[in-house]
Protein backbone atom coordinates (compact mmCIF):
# COMPACT_ATOMS: atom_id res chain seq x y z
CA MET A 1 0.00 -0.01 0.00
CA ARG A 2 1.23 3.48 -0.82
CA ASN A 3 2.03 5.91 1.96
CA PRO A 4 -1.12 7.73 3.10
CA LYS A 5 -1.17 11.44 2.21
CA ILE A 6 -2.26 14.14 4.64
CA LEU A 7 -2.87 17.79 3.74
CA VAL A 8 -2.73 20.34 6.60
CA LEU A 9 -4.55 23.54 5.96
CA ASP A 10 -3.72 26.29 8.47
CA ARG A 11 -1.94 29.64 8.53
CA SER A 12 0.41 28.46 11.24
CA GLY A 13 2.93 25.67 10.79
CA ALA A 14 2.64 24.46 14.38
CA LEU A 15 -0.06 21.87 13.69
CA ALA A 16 1.87 20.36 10.81
CA GLU A 17 5.01 20.17 12.93
CA GLN A 18 3.11 18.28 15.68
CA LEU A 19 1.69 15.84 13.12
CA GLU A 20 5.17 15.19 11.72
CA ARG A 21 6.31 14.32 15.20
CA VAL A 22 3.48 12.12 16.40
CA LEU A 23 3.08 10.21 13.13
CA GLY A 24 6.76 9.65 12.53
CA ASP A 25 6.71 6.04 13.79
CA LEU A 26 3.68 4.89 11.72
CA ARG A 27 4.26 2.39 8.95
CA PRO A 28 3.74 3.18 6.20
CA ARG A 29 4.73 6.64 7.25
CA PRO A 30 2.22 9.31 6.14
CA GLU A 31 3.34 12.03 3.78
CA ILE A 32 2.39 15.46 5.20
CA THR A 33 1.93 18.50 3.02
CA THR A 34 1.10 21.97 4.34
CA ALA A 35 -0.96 24.75 2.77
CA THR A 36 -0.99 28.05 4.69
CA ARG A 37 -3.64 29.72 2.54
CA VAL A 38 -6.98 28.52 1.22
CA GLY A 39 -6.16 30.19 -2.03
CA VAL A 40 -3.35 27.73 -2.86
CA VAL A 41 -5.31 24.56 -2.04
CA ALA A 42 -6.35 23.88 -5.65
CA GLU A 43 -2.70 24.25 -6.82
CA VAL A 44 -1.47 21.92 -4.03
CA LEU A 45 -4.15 19.39 -4.91
CA SER A 46 -3.16 19.54 -8.55
CA ALA A 47 0.55 19.29 -7.88
CA ASP A 48 0.65 16.82 -4.97
CA GLY A 49 -2.81 15.24 -4.65
CA PRO A 50 -4.92 13.30 -4.27
CA PHE A 51 -4.82 13.37 -0.46
CA ASP A 52 -6.44 10.85 1.87
CA VAL A 53 -6.98 13.21 4.79
CA LEU A 54 -7.38 16.98 5.21
CA VAL A 55 -6.56 18.41 8.62
CA ALA A 56 -8.05 21.85 9.04
CA GLY A 57 -6.40 23.99 11.70
CA PRO A 58 -7.64 26.79 13.99
CA SER A 59 -7.67 29.49 11.29
CA LEU A 60 -10.56 27.68 9.66
CA ALA A 61 -12.70 27.86 12.83
CA THR A 62 -14.95 30.60 11.49
CA ARG A 63 -18.17 30.57 9.53
CA THR A 64 -16.22 31.54 6.46
CA GLY A 65 -13.64 28.85 7.11
CA LEU A 66 -16.33 26.24 7.52
CA ALA A 67 -18.03 27.36 4.30
CA ARG A 68 -14.73 26.90 2.42
CA LEU A 69 -14.32 23.45 3.90
CA GLU A 70 -17.81 22.58 2.76
CA VAL A 71 -16.88 23.57 -0.79
CA ILE A 72 -13.75 21.34 -0.64
CA HIS A 73 -15.83 18.46 0.76
CA ASP A 74 -18.43 18.84 -2.07
CA GLU A 75 -15.62 18.62 -4.67
CA LEU A 76 -13.56 15.94 -2.90
CA PRO A 77 -16.03 13.79 -0.90
CA ASP A 78 -13.53 10.89 -0.65
CA MET A 79 -10.96 12.92 1.26
CA GLU A 80 -11.57 12.58 4.99
CA LEU A 81 -11.66 15.72 7.09
CA LEU A 82 -10.30 16.25 10.66
CA LEU A 83 -11.07 19.58 12.36
CA ALA A 84 -8.32 20.60 14.80
CA PHE A 85 -9.68 23.76 16.44
CA GLY A 86 -8.78 25.64 19.59
CA ARG A 87 -12.42 26.44 20.30
CA ARG A 88 -15.81 25.49 19.04
CA PRO A 89 -16.57 27.53 15.89
CA ASP A 90 -19.07 30.38 16.29
CA ALA A 91 -21.46 28.71 13.86
CA ALA A 92 -24.53 26.54 13.81
CA LEU A 93 -24.06 22.77 14.21
CA ARG A 94 -25.32 22.21 10.65
CA ASP A 95 -22.47 24.35 9.31
CA ILE A 96 -19.98 22.04 11.04
CA VAL A 97 -21.77 18.93 9.81
CA ARG A 98 -21.82 20.15 6.22
CA THR A 99 -18.03 20.16 6.14
CA GLY A 100 -18.11 16.33 6.21
CA ALA A 101 -15.72 16.17 9.16
CA VAL A 102 -15.30 12.68 10.66
CA ASP A 103 -13.63 13.91 13.86
CA LEU A 104 -12.88 17.07 15.84
CA VAL A 105 -9.79 17.53 18.08
CA GLN A 106 -9.57 20.46 20.46
CA LEU A 107 -6.21 22.22 20.53
CA PRO A 108 -3.86 22.23 22.23
CA ALA A 109 -4.04 18.41 22.08
CA ASP A 110 -1.51 16.01 23.52
CA ASP A 111 0.38 13.86 21.04
CA GLU A 112 -1.48 10.66 21.90
CA ALA A 113 -4.93 12.18 21.40
CA LEU A 114 -3.96 13.56 18.06
CA LYS A 115 -2.29 10.34 17.02
CA ASP A 116 -5.36 8.23 17.99
CA SER A 117 -7.68 10.44 16.01
CA LEU A 118 -5.44 10.22 12.87
CA ASN A 119 -5.07 6.43 13.29
CA ARG A 120 -8.89 6.02 13.35
CA ILE A 121 -9.24 8.11 10.22
CA LEU A 122 -6.39 6.32 8.41
CA ASP A 123 -8.04 2.98 9.24
CA MET A 124 -11.17 4.27 7.55
CA VAL A 125 -9.10 5.25 4.54
CA ARG A 126 -7.49 1.79 4.29
CA LYS A 127 -10.83 -0.06 4.57
CA LYS A 128 -12.42 1.78 1.68
CA SER A 129 -9.32 2.29 -0.51
CA ALA A 130 -9.85 -0.97 -2.43
CA ALA A 131 -13.32 0.10 -3.51
CA THR A 132 -12.71 3.78 -4.02
CA ALA A 133 -11.18 5.35 -7.13
CA PRO A 134 -8.68 8.22 -6.76
CA ALA A 135 -10.39 11.46 -5.84
CA PRO A 136 -10.84 14.03 -8.62
CA VAL A 137 -8.75 17.17 -8.37
CA PRO A 138 -10.46 20.54 -8.84
CA GLY A 139 -9.20 22.34 -11.90
CA VAL A 140 -8.07 19.18 -13.67
CA ALA A 141 -9.88 17.91 -16.77
CA ASN A 142 -8.57 15.19 -19.09
CA GLY A 143 -5.21 15.27 -17.34
CA THR A 144 -4.65 19.01 -17.87
CA ARG A 145 -4.95 21.59 -15.07
CA ASP A 146 -7.19 24.56 -15.78
CA HIS A 147 -5.31 27.90 -15.87
CA LEU A 148 -5.22 29.74 -12.59
CA GLY A 149 -4.25 33.38 -12.76
CA LYS A 150 -2.13 35.19 -10.19
CA VAL A 151 -3.91 37.43 -7.67
CA PHE A 152 -2.48 40.74 -6.54
CA THR A 153 -4.35 42.55 -3.76
CA MET A 154 -4.07 46.21 -2.66
CA SER A 155 -4.50 47.07 1.02
CA SER A 156 -3.88 49.83 3.50
CA ALA A 157 -4.86 50.87 7.01
CA THR A 158 -5.43 54.50 5.95
CA GLY A 159 -7.66 56.00 3.26
CA GLY A 160 -6.29 58.17 0.46
CA CYS A 161 -3.09 56.18 -0.02
CA GLY A 162 -3.62 55.65 -3.73
CA LYS A 163 -4.66 51.98 -3.79
CA THR A 164 -6.91 52.45 -6.80
CA PHE A 165 -4.26 54.34 -8.73
CA ILE A 166 -1.78 51.50 -8.09
CA ALA A 167 -4.36 48.82 -8.92
CA THR A 168 -5.21 50.32 -12.33
CA ASN A 169 -1.52 50.82 -13.28
CA LEU A 170 -0.54 47.35 -12.11
CA ALA A 171 -3.30 45.74 -14.15
CA PHE A 172 -2.23 47.77 -17.21
CA LEU A 173 1.41 46.86 -16.68
CA LEU A 174 0.73 43.17 -16.37
CA GLY A 175 -1.55 43.03 -19.40
CA HIS A 176 0.42 45.40 -21.67
CA TYR A 177 3.86 43.85 -21.25
CA THR A 178 2.78 40.18 -21.32
CA GLY A 179 -0.02 40.39 -23.84
CA LYS A 180 -2.11 38.36 -21.42
CA ARG A 181 -5.48 39.05 -19.85
CA ALA A 182 -5.81 41.21 -16.68
CA CYS A 183 -8.82 42.31 -14.70
CA ILE A 184 -9.56 44.36 -11.59
CA ILE A 185 -12.09 43.38 -8.96
CA ASP A 186 -13.31 46.37 -6.96
CA LEU A 187 -13.88 45.05 -3.39
CA ASP A 188 -14.37 48.47 -1.90
CA LEU A 189 -18.00 47.45 -1.82
CA GLN A 190 -19.41 50.69 -0.40
CA PHE A 191 -17.34 53.35 -2.07
CA GLY A 192 -15.36 51.73 -4.87
CA GLU A 193 -13.57 54.09 -7.22
CA VAL A 194 -12.06 51.85 -9.93
CA SER A 195 -14.83 52.75 -12.42
CA THR A 196 -14.44 56.44 -11.70
CA ALA A 197 -10.67 56.35 -11.97
CA LEU A 198 -10.94 54.77 -15.41
CA ARG A 199 -14.02 56.83 -16.44
CA LEU A 200 -16.15 53.80 -16.99
CA ARG A 201 -19.91 53.46 -16.79
CA PRO A 202 -20.53 49.84 -15.87
CA ARG A 203 -23.94 48.44 -16.59
CA PHE A 204 -23.47 45.65 -14.06
CA THR A 205 -21.54 45.21 -10.80
CA ILE A 206 -20.30 42.46 -8.55
CA SER A 207 -23.74 42.38 -6.93
CA ASP A 208 -25.38 41.45 -10.26
CA ALA A 209 -22.83 38.69 -10.86
CA LEU A 210 -23.59 37.12 -7.46
CA GLN A 211 -27.40 37.37 -7.86
CA ARG A 212 -27.59 34.86 -10.65
CA GLU A 213 -30.17 32.37 -9.43
CA ASP A 214 -29.14 28.73 -9.00
CA ALA A 215 -25.71 29.50 -10.42
CA ASP A 216 -23.02 26.93 -9.58
CA GLU A 217 -19.29 27.66 -9.70
CA ALA A 218 -18.94 26.61 -13.31
CA ASP A 219 -21.84 28.86 -14.23
CA LEU A 220 -20.35 31.86 -12.49
CA GLU A 221 -17.02 31.30 -14.20
CA ALA A 222 -18.66 30.99 -17.62
CA HIS A 223 -20.72 34.20 -17.27
CA LEU A 224 -18.41 36.35 -15.15
CA GLU A 225 -17.23 38.48 -18.02
CA GLU A 226 -20.75 39.45 -18.95
CA TYR A 227 -20.84 41.51 -15.73
CA MET A 228 -17.55 43.26 -16.42
CA VAL A 229 -16.79 46.39 -18.42
CA THR A 230 -13.63 46.67 -20.48
CA HIS A 231 -11.43 49.78 -20.54
CA GLU A 232 -9.89 51.02 -23.76
CA SER A 233 -6.51 49.79 -22.46
CA GLY A 234 -7.84 46.25 -22.36
CA ILE A 235 -8.31 45.98 -18.57
CA ALA A 236 -11.60 44.28 -17.61
CA VAL A 237 -13.26 45.63 -14.44
CA LEU A 238 -15.82 44.09 -12.13
CA ALA A 239 -17.25 47.17 -10.52
CA ALA A 240 -18.30 47.71 -6.92
CA PRO A 241 -22.00 47.99 -6.16
CA LYS A 242 -23.70 51.22 -7.15
CA ASP A 243 -25.62 51.37 -3.88
CA PRO A 244 -23.45 51.11 -0.74
CA ALA A 245 -26.28 49.22 0.97
CA GLU A 246 -25.71 46.31 -1.40
CA ALA A 247 -22.40 45.64 0.33
CA ASP A 248 -24.28 43.99 3.21
CA ARG A 249 -25.52 41.24 0.87
CA ILE A 250 -22.01 40.10 -0.04
CA ASP A 251 -20.23 37.79 2.32
CA PRO A 252 -16.66 36.38 2.43
CA LEU A 253 -17.72 33.19 0.67
CA ASP A 254 -19.03 35.27 -2.22
CA VAL A 255 -15.65 37.02 -2.43
CA GLY A 256 -13.94 33.64 -2.66
CA ARG A 257 -16.27 32.53 -5.45
CA ILE A 258 -15.68 35.72 -7.47
CA ILE A 259 -11.93 35.69 -7.16
CA THR A 260 -11.71 31.97 -7.89
CA ALA A 261 -13.87 32.37 -11.00
CA ALA A 262 -11.69 35.35 -12.15
CA ARG A 263 -8.52 33.31 -11.70
CA LYS A 264 -9.84 30.75 -14.18
CA ARG A 265 -10.69 33.38 -16.78
CA PHE A 266 -7.77 35.79 -16.47
CA ASP A 267 -4.03 35.50 -16.24
CA TYR A 268 -3.78 38.36 -13.72
CA VAL A 269 -6.44 39.45 -11.15
CA VAL A 270 -5.88 42.68 -9.27
CA VAL A 271 -8.09 43.24 -6.25
CA ASP A 272 -8.74 46.69 -4.82
CA THR A 273 -9.91 46.66 -1.20
CA PRO A 274 -11.16 49.29 1.33
CA SER A 275 -9.00 50.66 4.14
CA ALA A 276 -10.21 48.06 6.59
CA LEU A 277 -9.42 44.62 8.01
CA ASN A 278 -12.72 42.78 7.98
CA GLU A 279 -13.89 39.28 6.86
CA ILE A 280 -14.45 40.48 3.27
CA VAL A 281 -10.90 41.84 3.02
CA LEU A 282 -9.35 38.78 4.75
CA ALA A 283 -11.16 36.49 2.28
CA ALA A 284 -9.29 38.34 -0.53
CA PHE A 285 -5.99 38.10 1.41
CA ASP A 286 -6.33 34.31 1.67
CA LEU A 287 -6.63 34.01 -2.13
CA SER A 288 -3.80 36.42 -2.94
CA ASP A 289 -0.43 35.44 -4.33
CA THR A 290 0.93 38.94 -3.45
CA LEU A 291 -0.48 41.39 -0.92
CA PHE A 292 0.57 45.03 -1.35
CA THR A 293 0.27 47.21 1.81
CA MET A 294 0.42 50.95 1.30
CA ALA A 295 1.14 54.08 3.35
CA THR A 296 1.84 57.72 2.60
CA LEU A 297 4.73 59.74 3.96
CA ASP A 298 3.00 61.08 7.06
CA LEU A 299 3.16 60.01 10.67
CA PRO A 300 -0.44 58.67 11.09
CA SER A 301 -0.29 56.62 7.89
CA VAL A 302 3.12 55.10 8.69
CA ARG A 303 2.10 54.23 12.28
CA ASN A 304 -1.11 52.66 11.02
CA MET A 305 0.91 50.57 8.56
CA GLY A 306 2.90 49.19 11.50
CA VAL A 307 -0.30 48.31 13.35
CA PHE A 308 -1.73 46.77 10.19
CA LEU A 309 1.31 44.60 9.67
CA SER A 310 1.24 43.47 13.27
CA ALA A 311 -2.38 42.45 12.84
CA LEU A 312 -1.58 40.48 9.70
CA GLU A 313 1.23 38.71 11.62
CA ARG A 314 -1.22 37.72 14.42
CA LEU A 315 -3.61 36.44 11.75
CA LYS A 316 -0.81 34.23 10.36
CA ILE A 317 -0.89 35.96 6.94
CA PRO A 318 2.43 34.79 5.36
CA SER A 319 4.88 37.72 5.51
CA ASP A 320 6.74 36.48 2.43
CA ASN A 321 3.66 37.41 0.32
CA ILE A 322 3.44 40.99 1.70
CA LYS A 323 5.09 43.83 -0.20
CA LEU A 324 5.20 47.44 1.10
CA LEU A 325 4.50 50.58 -0.96
CA LEU A 326 5.13 54.17 0.00
CA ASN A 327 3.12 56.70 -2.01
CA LYS A 328 2.95 60.50 -2.24
CA ALA A 329 6.47 60.93 -0.89
CA GLU A 330 7.53 64.58 -0.49
CA THR A 331 10.60 66.36 0.76
CA ASP A 332 10.90 68.75 3.73
CA VAL A 333 7.80 67.36 5.54
CA GLY A 334 9.52 66.53 8.88
CA ILE A 335 10.17 62.89 8.03
CA ASP A 336 11.81 61.33 5.04
CA VAL A 337 12.00 58.08 3.15
CA ALA A 338 15.31 56.97 4.70
CA GLN A 339 13.85 57.15 8.21
CA ILE A 340 10.81 55.19 7.26
CA THR A 341 12.85 52.54 5.47
CA ARG A 342 14.82 51.90 8.67
CA LEU A 343 11.55 51.22 10.47
CA PHE A 344 10.49 48.59 7.90
CA PRO A 345 13.60 46.49 7.29
CA GLN A 346 11.80 44.36 4.65
CA GLY A 347 11.97 47.46 2.41
CA PHE A 348 9.55 48.98 -0.08
CA THR A 349 8.74 47.58 -3.48
CA ALA A 350 8.20 51.15 -4.68
CA VAL A 351 8.48 54.68 -3.33
CA LEU A 352 6.41 57.04 -5.43
CA PRO A 353 6.36 60.86 -5.26
CA TYR A 354 3.60 63.32 -5.96
CA SER A 355 3.36 63.98 -9.68
CA LYS A 356 1.19 66.15 -11.84
CA GLU A 357 1.07 63.30 -14.37
CA VAL A 358 -0.91 61.25 -11.84
CA SER A 359 -3.62 63.87 -11.56
CA ARG A 360 -3.68 64.22 -15.32
CA SER A 361 -4.02 60.47 -15.89
CA ILE A 362 -6.89 60.26 -13.37
CA ASN A 363 -8.71 63.13 -15.08
CA LEU A 364 -8.26 61.34 -18.40
CA GLY A 365 -9.35 58.04 -16.99
CA VAL A 366 -6.17 56.34 -18.28
CA PRO A 367 -3.40 54.64 -16.27
CA VAL A 368 -0.35 56.91 -16.10
CA LEU A 369 1.73 54.18 -17.61
CA ALA A 370 -0.40 54.61 -20.77
CA SER A 371 -0.94 58.34 -20.69
CA SER A 372 2.67 59.36 -19.76
CA PRO A 373 4.92 56.31 -20.28
CA GLY A 374 8.10 58.43 -20.32
CA ALA A 375 7.34 60.42 -17.14
CA PRO A 376 9.51 59.92 -14.05
CA ILE A 377 6.55 58.52 -12.09
CA SER A 378 5.94 55.90 -14.80
CA LYS A 379 9.61 54.83 -14.76
CA LEU A 380 9.44 54.47 -10.96
CA ILE A 381 6.29 52.33 -11.24
CA LEU A 382 7.88 50.15 -13.89
CA GLN A 383 11.03 49.82 -11.87
CA GLY A 384 9.12 48.80 -8.76
CA PHE A 385 6.53 46.52 -10.25
CA GLY A 386 8.38 45.24 -13.34
CA THR A 387 9.84 42.45 -11.25
CA PHE A 388 6.37 40.88 -11.14
CA LEU A 389 6.49 40.37 -14.90
CA PRO A 390 7.83 37.11 -16.27
CA ALA A 391 11.55 37.58 -17.01
CA GLY A 392 11.02 37.29 -20.76
CA ASP A 393 8.39 40.06 -20.77
CA ARG A 394 10.33 42.74 -18.88
CA PRO A 395 11.34 45.87 -20.84
CA PRO A 396 14.99 45.83 -22.01
CA ALA A 397 15.91 48.73 -19.76
CA MET A 398 14.02 49.17 -16.50
CA ALA A 399 14.51 52.51 -14.80
CA THR A 400 16.59 52.62 -11.66
CA ALA A 401 14.99 54.40 -8.75
CA ALA A 402 17.00 57.04 -6.94
CA GLU A 403 18.52 56.18 -3.62
CA PRO A 404 16.64 57.65 -0.68
CA PRO A 405 18.36 60.73 0.82
CA ALA A 406 20.55 60.07 3.80
CA ASP A 407 19.97 61.55 7.24
CA ASN A 408 21.15 60.97 10.81
CA GLY A 409 17.90 59.23 11.72
CA ARG A 410 17.57 61.03 15.08
CA ARG A 411 14.21 62.61 14.35
CA GLY A 412 12.89 59.28 13.04
CA ARG A 413 13.93 57.46 16.18
CA ARG A 414 12.24 60.02 18.35
CA LEU A 415 8.97 59.88 16.39
CA PHE A 416 8.73 56.15 16.16
CA ARG A 417 10.54 54.63 19.18
CA ARG A 418 7.17 53.64 20.71
CA GLN A 419 6.11 51.68 17.61
CA PRO A 420 8.28 48.50 17.55
CA ALA A 421 5.33 46.61 15.98
CA ALA A 422 6.07 48.31 12.67
CA GLN A 423 8.53 45.54 11.81
CA VAL A 424 7.40 42.22 10.30
CA HIS A 425 9.62 39.24 10.84
């Protein structure tokens, strides 16, 4: 018999480490694979599946997490599910039952309790393995995996940082230089500005796409583009609701359905979010390959970025996927870029100054990379974000950003010495 395969789904690696330890003496020894984000599960299943057991960790102990597990169970009913939660989920019993879980272990659990639970589940797997065909893998048809686009999400703790400006230019850059398809999903559900920034008049919005009656996932994917509007630059946009009240009808599971459908239709998906840290935004973070977090060069915005990053760390959002952006940088404002850079040792993907070309591009409804490709601001954007292009699609000569001005750092230390949480490790 082949080695049983276990997939651990949790933002923290602690659960997987404990399983490696307690199952090490089993024969045949189980193969354990870890996924730290729900958004990569389909790719892990395609690359390493099928799996016999899915162990869902504490980060899935929410109504949204249970709903995602229900979707996985519906697609992979032969994969057994163990819930390893620190507390009982704040959800109805039927929501837990619908996940198809065969056991629930309360964490922290001693090694023997966890081992006994896994042994019982693996016995179930062995007993039915002879009569059960390998489980199908989502996104695989006739031996070929469906295309899954990359997801880039914009976030910030402070409004007015320029998330929408960056989102539109990033989508243009990705589509223009690769010749592939790029779209923007406006998840600022109450006051989204992507349509305004591109001077579009969408007939439909994300609300209309989600209100299709009796629409399954395949149907949503097939018809998603009917609810988008395409900009002259080729960017497709799924607009935010026209009425802010409609935001209350959209839940985190809806966000997951929309982003997943877009990944199957587009090579690049750029998600614009509000300046908040709620379940809707976290649902987008879970499905993101790269998460951009923005601030402007002023004390409140920079401090809020530090708090925001600390919150993401507590939520076990992988720091390797987080990239920092500093926008609207000016000189002689009491703090400078060099001081801020020392506070965030992971560095900034891009530092962008104020520029009249930005205002002009917004008034024209055209990304600045298209309206003023030779402007200094466009070169800085290209220099910062060009690294996200495939190597073969990068421009021959990418501009080099200027080094931040030097200073003695004394004022910076005085302003920020009470904010050690600004660093992400």
